[in-house]
Amino acid sequence: MPENVTILVNQRPYHLDSETTSAEAIRTLASAPSDYEVWKQVKSPDAPGQPPVDDVLITGALQVKSGDKFRVVPSGTFGAR
């Protein structure tokens, strides 16, 4: 297991001591309410004002690696998926 894993949440770095985390843990890092959605950014950011094309909605536990990027946003920000 690595010493720490650095992920970006809403463009801010956070250091984890595990390669496993959850949507709830990511919301906690971002100080976001429990009804906010967590999205894993898969490719480069989409154009401003456009919904994400390749991003993945995270609802449970997941494996992470250093450099992974996430967005924590109010529910419905990107519409129904």
C-alpha atoms as a PDB file:
ATOM      1  CA  MET A   1       0.000   0.000   0.000  1.00  0.00           C
ATOM      2  CA  PRO A   2       1.360   3.466  -0.864  1.00  0.00           C
ATOM      3  CA  GLU A   3       2.315   5.906   1.859  1.00  0.00           C
ATOM      4  CA  ASN A   4      -0.482   8.157   0.688  1.00  0.00           C
ATOM      5  CA  VAL A   5      -2.685   8.732  -2.304  1.00  0.00           C
ATOM      6  CA  THR A   6      -3.315  12.292  -3.483  1.00  0.00           C
ATOM      7  CA  ILE A   7      -6.628  12.975  -5.185  1.00  0.00           C
ATOM      8  CA  LEU A   8      -8.164  16.242  -6.348  1.00  0.00           C
ATOM      9  CA  VAL A   9     -11.663  17.131  -5.188  1.00  0.00           C
ATOM     10  CA  ASN A  10     -13.092  20.275  -6.767  1.00  0.00           C
ATOM     11  CA  GLN A  11      -9.520  21.129  -7.816  1.00  0.00           C
ATOM     12  CA  ARG A  12      -8.129  20.898  -4.258  1.00  0.00           C
ATOM     13  CA  PRO A  13      -5.617  18.194  -3.292  1.00  0.00           C
ATOM     14  CA  TYR A  14      -6.396  15.744  -0.507  1.00  0.00           C
ATOM     15  CA  HIS A  15      -4.120  13.014   0.838  1.00  0.00           C
ATOM     16  CA  LEU A  16      -5.570   9.600   1.677  1.00  0.00           C
ATOM     17  CA  ASP A  17      -3.811   6.762   3.507  1.00  0.00           C
ATOM     18  CA  SER A  18      -5.666   4.101   1.506  1.00  0.00           C
ATOM     19  CA  GLU A  19      -6.302   3.179  -2.123  1.00  0.00           C
ATOM     20  CA  THR A  20      -9.978   2.655  -1.273  1.00  0.00           C
ATOM     21  CA  THR A  21     -12.453   5.428  -0.506  1.00  0.00           C
ATOM     22  CA  SER A  22     -16.161   6.138  -0.944  1.00  0.00           C
ATOM     23  CA  ALA A  23     -18.495   8.776  -2.263  1.00  0.00           C
ATOM     24  CA  GLU A  24     -19.379   9.688   1.332  1.00  0.00           C
ATOM     25  CA  ALA A  25     -15.699  10.096   2.276  1.00  0.00           C
ATOM     26  CA  ILE A  26     -15.116  12.342  -0.749  1.00  0.00           C
ATOM     27  CA  ARG A  27     -18.145  14.479   0.190  1.00  0.00           C
ATOM     28  CA  THR A  28     -16.705  14.771   3.700  1.00  0.00           C
ATOM     29  CA  LEU A  29     -13.338  15.932   2.309  1.00  0.00           C
ATOM     30  CA  ALA A  30     -15.149  18.628   0.334  1.00  0.00           C
ATOM     31  CA  SER A  31     -17.341  19.588   3.330  1.00  0.00           C
ATOM     32  CA  ALA A  32     -20.375  18.955   1.121  1.00  0.00           C
ATOM     33  CA  PRO A  33     -23.866  17.906   2.213  1.00  0.00           C
ATOM     34  CA  SER A  34     -24.754  14.220   1.980  1.00  0.00           C
ATOM     35  CA  ASP A  35     -27.141  14.801  -0.951  1.00  0.00           C
ATOM     36  CA  TYR A  36     -24.382  16.179  -3.221  1.00  0.00           C
ATOM     37  CA  GLU A  37     -23.240  13.999  -6.108  1.00  0.00           C
ATOM     38  CA  VAL A  38     -19.658  12.779  -6.524  1.00  0.00           C
ATOM     39  CA  TRP A  39     -18.346  12.513 -10.093  1.00  0.00           C
ATOM     40  CA  LYS A  40     -15.019  11.012 -11.117  1.00  0.00           C
ATOM     41  CA  GLN A  41     -13.452  13.016 -13.932  1.00  0.00           C
ATOM     42  CA  VAL A  42     -12.326  10.522 -16.559  1.00  0.00           C
ATOM     43  CA  LYS A  43     -10.886  12.843 -19.232  1.00  0.00           C
ATOM     44  CA  SER A  44     -10.021  16.513 -19.511  1.00  0.00           C
ATOM     45  CA  PRO A  45     -12.666  18.914 -18.251  1.00  0.00           C
ATOM     46  CA  ASP A  46     -15.655  19.436 -20.506  1.00  0.00           C
ATOM     47  CA  ALA A  47     -16.399  22.842 -21.969  1.00  0.00           C
ATOM     48  CA  PRO A  48     -17.775  25.356 -19.439  1.00  0.00           C
ATOM     49  CA  GLY A  49     -21.517  24.997 -19.011  1.00  0.00           C
ATOM     50  CA  GLN A  50     -21.576  21.585 -20.699  1.00  0.00           C
ATOM     51  CA  PRO A  51     -22.518  18.383 -18.875  1.00  0.00           C
ATOM     52  CA  PRO A  52     -19.722  15.845 -18.473  1.00  0.00           C
ATOM     53  CA  VAL A  53     -19.516  13.327 -21.287  1.00  0.00           C
ATOM     54  CA  ASP A  54     -17.178  10.713 -19.837  1.00  0.00           C
ATOM     55  CA  ASP A  55     -17.360  11.406 -16.096  1.00  0.00           C
ATOM     56  CA  VAL A  56     -18.688   8.654 -13.835  1.00  0.00           C
ATOM     57  CA  LEU A  57     -21.197   9.169 -11.027  1.00  0.00           C
ATOM     58  CA  ILE A  58     -19.792   7.579  -7.848  1.00  0.00           C
ATOM     59  CA  THR A  59     -22.306   6.219  -5.349  1.00  0.00           C
ATOM     60  CA  GLY A  60     -20.317   3.746  -3.250  1.00  0.00           C
ATOM     61  CA  ALA A  61     -16.802   2.524  -2.571  1.00  0.00           C
ATOM     62  CA  LEU A  62     -14.066   2.720  -5.200  1.00  0.00           C
ATOM     63  CA  GLN A  63     -10.357   2.219  -5.776  1.00  0.00           C
ATOM     64  CA  VAL A  64      -8.343   5.424  -6.235  1.00  0.00           C
ATOM     65  CA  LYS A  65      -4.838   6.284  -7.333  1.00  0.00           C
ATOM     66  CA  SER A  66      -2.813   9.470  -7.066  1.00  0.00           C
ATOM     67  CA  GLY A  67      -3.971  12.022  -9.592  1.00  0.00           C
ATOM     68  CA  ASP A  68      -7.619  10.928  -9.711  1.00  0.00           C
ATOM     69  CA  LYS A  69      -9.955  13.925 -10.003  1.00  0.00           C
ATOM     70  CA  PHE A  70     -13.445  14.279  -8.558  1.00  0.00           C
ATOM     71  CA  ARG A  71     -16.198  16.865  -8.569  1.00  0.00           C
ATOM     72  CA  VAL A  72     -18.673  17.204  -5.719  1.00  0.00           C
ATOM     73  CA  VAL A  73     -21.736  19.113  -6.869  1.00  0.00           C
ATOM     74  CA  PRO A  74     -25.383  19.629  -5.929  1.00  0.00           C
ATOM     75  CA  SER A  75     -27.678  16.840  -7.135  1.00  0.00           C
ATOM     76  CA  GLY A  76     -28.995  17.430 -10.636  1.00  0.00           C
ATOM     77  CA  THR A  77     -26.161  19.771 -11.654  1.00  0.00           C
ATOM     78  CA  PHE A  78     -25.449  17.628 -14.701  1.00  0.00           C
ATOM     79  CA  GLY A  79     -29.044  16.485 -15.271  1.00  0.00           C
ATOM     80  CA  ALA A  80     -30.383  12.970 -15.175  1.00  0.00           C
ATOM     81  CA  ARG A  81     -27.932  10.232 -16.161  1.00  0.00           C
END
